[in-house]
């Protein structure tokens, strides 16, 4: 099975960004593949997925979906990614 990771090339950049939070040591976290697949099914491109995962949750909060990912909240993150679909 090929590993899927989040690689983002931000507008105006020539390089891809591979955020460290998606890795557990040298390997991608087990849930990253499911998150990428859910994003693709929801119609999110890589830049939008990155924005969803790194945006603050709530008006006054400082937590992000990547924080939930680090804390083992995989299902919460996958649900939030699916709900971010532009098709909704």
Protein backbone atom coordinates (compact mmCIF):
# COMPACT_ATOMS: atom_id res chain seq x y z
CA UNK A 1 0.00 0.00 0.00
CA UNK A 2 1.43 3.36 -1.00
CA UNK A 3 1.69 5.93 1.73
CA UNK A 4 -0.39 9.05 1.29
CA UNK A 5 0.83 12.22 2.92
CA UNK A 6 -0.22 15.83 2.78
CA UNK A 7 2.07 17.79 0.50
CA UNK A 8 1.09 21.37 -0.19
CA UNK A 9 2.49 23.84 -2.65
CA UNK A 10 1.22 27.19 -1.50
CA UNK A 11 0.34 29.79 -4.15
CA UNK A 12 3.45 31.45 -5.54
CA UNK A 13 5.80 28.79 -4.18
CA UNK A 14 7.90 26.33 -6.14
CA UNK A 15 8.36 23.94 -3.21
CA UNK A 16 6.05 21.50 -1.50
CA UNK A 17 5.44 21.70 2.23
CA UNK A 18 5.14 18.38 4.11
CA UNK A 19 3.95 19.36 7.60
CA UNK A 20 5.73 17.54 10.42
CA UNK A 21 2.49 17.00 12.39
CA UNK A 22 1.41 14.31 9.96
CA UNK A 23 4.35 12.10 10.90
CA UNK A 24 4.93 9.90 13.90
CA UNK A 25 8.70 9.67 13.84
CA UNK A 26 9.79 8.90 10.28
CA UNK A 27 6.49 7.35 9.18
CA UNK A 28 3.14 9.01 8.49
CA UNK A 29 0.55 8.67 11.25
CA UNK A 30 -1.79 5.78 10.52
CA UNK A 31 -4.79 8.11 10.13
CA UNK A 32 -3.19 10.43 7.55
CA UNK A 33 -4.08 8.09 4.67
CA UNK A 34 -7.74 8.08 5.77
CA UNK A 35 -7.74 11.86 6.10
CA UNK A 36 -6.31 12.35 2.60
CA UNK A 37 -8.81 9.88 1.12
CA UNK A 38 -11.71 11.60 2.93
CA UNK A 39 -10.52 14.97 1.63
CA UNK A 40 -10.34 13.74 -1.94
CA UNK A 41 -13.80 12.19 -1.67
CA UNK A 42 -15.10 15.52 -0.31
CA UNK A 43 -13.57 17.44 -3.21
CA UNK A 44 -10.90 19.24 -1.18
CA UNK A 45 -7.64 20.03 -2.89
CA UNK A 46 -4.38 19.81 -0.96
CA UNK A 47 -4.24 23.52 -0.13
CA UNK A 48 -7.82 23.54 1.19
CA UNK A 49 -7.15 20.38 3.24
CA UNK A 50 -4.11 22.07 4.79
CA UNK A 51 -6.21 25.15 5.58
CA UNK A 52 -8.94 23.04 7.20
CA UNK A 53 -6.46 21.11 9.33
CA UNK A 54 -4.51 24.15 10.51
CA UNK A 55 -7.30 26.67 11.06
CA UNK A 56 -8.36 27.50 14.61
CA UNK A 57 -11.48 25.70 15.81
CA UNK A 58 -14.08 28.13 17.11
CA UNK A 59 -14.00 31.87 17.49
CA UNK A 60 -11.91 32.09 20.65
CA UNK A 61 -10.11 28.78 20.55
CA UNK A 62 -6.48 28.13 19.90
CA UNK A 63 -6.84 24.43 19.09
CA UNK A 64 -6.71 23.20 15.52
CA UNK A 65 -7.70 19.92 13.91
CA UNK A 66 -4.03 18.96 13.80
CA UNK A 67 -4.05 19.18 17.61
CA UNK A 68 -6.92 16.68 17.69
CA UNK A 69 -4.95 14.48 15.27
CA UNK A 70 -1.94 14.49 17.60
CA UNK A 71 -4.23 13.67 20.55
CA UNK A 72 -5.70 10.61 18.80
CA UNK A 73 -8.96 12.24 17.68
CA UNK A 74 -8.75 10.66 14.24
CA UNK A 75 -12.49 10.16 13.76
CA UNK A 76 -13.21 13.76 14.77
CA UNK A 77 -10.68 15.01 12.22
CA UNK A 78 -12.03 12.80 9.43
CA UNK A 79 -15.59 13.93 10.15
CA UNK A 80 -14.55 17.59 10.10
CA UNK A 81 -12.71 17.11 6.80
CA UNK A 82 -15.78 15.49 5.24
CA UNK A 83 -17.97 18.35 6.51
CA UNK A 84 -15.65 20.86 4.85
CA UNK A 85 -16.70 19.69 1.40
CA UNK A 86 -17.46 22.47 -1.05
CA UNK A 87 -20.21 20.17 -2.37
CA UNK A 88 -22.32 20.58 0.76
